[in-house]
Amino acid sequence: MRFCEDTPGEPARARAAVAAWREQNPEGTAERLVDALGDQFHPDYGPVLRGALFAIDRDRATGK
């Protein structure tokens, strides 16, 4: 999948899904995240989900 072909709403949907998953799984790993949410997105979307998890964790750590 080429991410330039992605719809504008898809990254926002991924961030929302990852944020909800993180709330329910505060100690969950990126691998478990992709296992849990991967089937809701394009098969190549794993790096996007991991990136969203990193950003969410970073923002929580810095209080943003």
C-alpha atoms as a PDB file:
ATOM      1  CA  MET A   1       0.000   0.000   0.000  1.00  0.00           C
ATOM      2  CA  ARG A   2       1.236   3.448  -0.811  1.00  0.00           C
ATOM      3  CA  PHE A   3       0.306   5.801   1.987  1.00  0.00           C
ATOM      4  CA  CYS A   4      -0.197   8.650  -0.486  1.00  0.00           C
ATOM      5  CA  GLU A   5      -3.207   6.637  -1.708  1.00  0.00           C
ATOM      6  CA  ASP A   6      -4.606   6.604   1.805  1.00  0.00           C
ATOM      7  CA  THR A   7      -7.778   8.500   2.588  1.00  0.00           C
ATOM      8  CA  PRO A   8      -7.346  11.538   4.875  1.00  0.00           C
ATOM      9  CA  GLY A   9      -9.512   9.981   7.570  1.00  0.00           C
ATOM     10  CA  GLU A  10      -7.565   6.745   7.860  1.00  0.00           C
ATOM     11  CA  PRO A  11      -4.627   8.069   9.952  1.00  0.00           C
ATOM     12  CA  ALA A  12      -7.080   9.800  12.298  1.00  0.00           C
ATOM     13  CA  ARG A  13      -9.052   6.567  12.624  1.00  0.00           C
ATOM     14  CA  ALA A  14      -5.821   4.701  13.370  1.00  0.00           C
ATOM     15  CA  ARG A  15      -4.812   7.223  16.072  1.00  0.00           C
ATOM     16  CA  ALA A  16      -8.231   6.968  17.702  1.00  0.00           C
ATOM     17  CA  ALA A  17      -8.158   3.167  17.652  1.00  0.00           C
ATOM     18  CA  VAL A  18      -4.621   3.102  19.086  1.00  0.00           C
ATOM     19  CA  ALA A  19      -5.530   5.595  21.831  1.00  0.00           C
ATOM     20  CA  ALA A  20      -8.535   3.489  22.832  1.00  0.00           C
ATOM     21  CA  TRP A  21      -6.415   0.331  22.793  1.00  0.00           C
ATOM     22  CA  ARG A  22      -3.733   1.983  24.946  1.00  0.00           C
ATOM     23  CA  GLU A  23      -6.366   3.003  27.527  1.00  0.00           C
ATOM     24  CA  GLN A  24      -7.406  -0.637  27.841  1.00  0.00           C
ATOM     25  CA  ASN A  25      -3.852  -2.024  27.611  1.00  0.00           C
ATOM     26  CA  PRO A  26      -1.490   0.341  29.464  1.00  0.00           C
ATOM     27  CA  GLU A  27       1.324  -2.219  29.457  1.00  0.00           C
ATOM     28  CA  GLY A  28       0.640  -3.608  25.975  1.00  0.00           C
ATOM     29  CA  THR A  29       3.400  -3.893  23.410  1.00  0.00           C
ATOM     30  CA  ALA A  30       3.439  -2.661  19.826  1.00  0.00           C
ATOM     31  CA  GLU A  31       3.281  -6.267  18.634  1.00  0.00           C
ATOM     32  CA  ARG A  32       0.132  -6.908  20.656  1.00  0.00           C
ATOM     33  CA  LEU A  33      -1.342  -3.679  19.335  1.00  0.00           C
ATOM     34  CA  VAL A  34      -0.829  -4.762  15.732  1.00  0.00           C
ATOM     35  CA  ASP A  35      -2.223  -8.211  16.538  1.00  0.00           C
ATOM     36  CA  ALA A  36      -5.316  -6.657  18.099  1.00  0.00           C
ATOM     37  CA  LEU A  37      -5.997  -3.878  15.592  1.00  0.00           C
ATOM     38  CA  GLY A  38      -4.240  -4.956  12.431  1.00  0.00           C
ATOM     39  CA  ASP A  39      -7.264  -6.626  10.884  1.00  0.00           C
ATOM     40  CA  GLN A  40      -9.179  -3.313  11.004  1.00  0.00           C
ATOM     41  CA  PHE A  41      -6.691  -1.677   8.625  1.00  0.00           C
ATOM     42  CA  HIS A  42      -4.793  -2.412   5.433  1.00  0.00           C
ATOM     43  CA  PRO A  43      -2.236  -5.228   5.993  1.00  0.00           C
ATOM     44  CA  ASP A  44       0.637  -2.768   5.432  1.00  0.00           C
ATOM     45  CA  TYR A  45      -0.619  -0.394   8.128  1.00  0.00           C
ATOM     46  CA  GLY A  46       1.436  -1.934  10.958  1.00  0.00           C
ATOM     47  CA  PRO A  47       4.117   0.797  10.909  1.00  0.00           C
ATOM     48  CA  VAL A  48       1.428   3.480  11.099  1.00  0.00           C
ATOM     49  CA  LEU A  49      -0.152   1.798  14.115  1.00  0.00           C
ATOM     50  CA  ARG A  50       3.235   1.463  15.822  1.00  0.00           C
ATOM     51  CA  GLY A  51       3.994   5.115  15.066  1.00  0.00           C
ATOM     52  CA  ALA A  52       0.680   6.217  16.534  1.00  0.00           C
ATOM     53  CA  LEU A  53       1.410   4.186  19.670  1.00  0.00           C
ATOM     54  CA  PHE A  54       4.832   5.797  19.984  1.00  0.00           C
ATOM     55  CA  ALA A  55       3.320   9.281  19.626  1.00  0.00           C
ATOM     56  CA  ILE A  56       0.574   8.586  22.154  1.00  0.00           C
ATOM     57  CA  ASP A  57       3.039   7.187  24.686  1.00  0.00           C
ATOM     58  CA  ARG A  58       5.407  10.118  24.118  1.00  0.00           C
ATOM     59  CA  ASP A  59       2.641  12.663  24.571  1.00  0.00           C
ATOM     60  CA  ARG A  60       1.473  11.009  27.775  1.00  0.00           C
ATOM     61  CA  ALA A  61       5.002  10.952  29.148  1.00  0.00           C
ATOM     62  CA  THR A  62       5.466  14.659  28.439  1.00  0.00           C
ATOM     63  CA  GLY A  63       1.991  15.615  29.619  1.00  0.00           C
ATOM     64  CA  LYS A  64       0.680  16.814  26.268  1.00  0.00           C
END
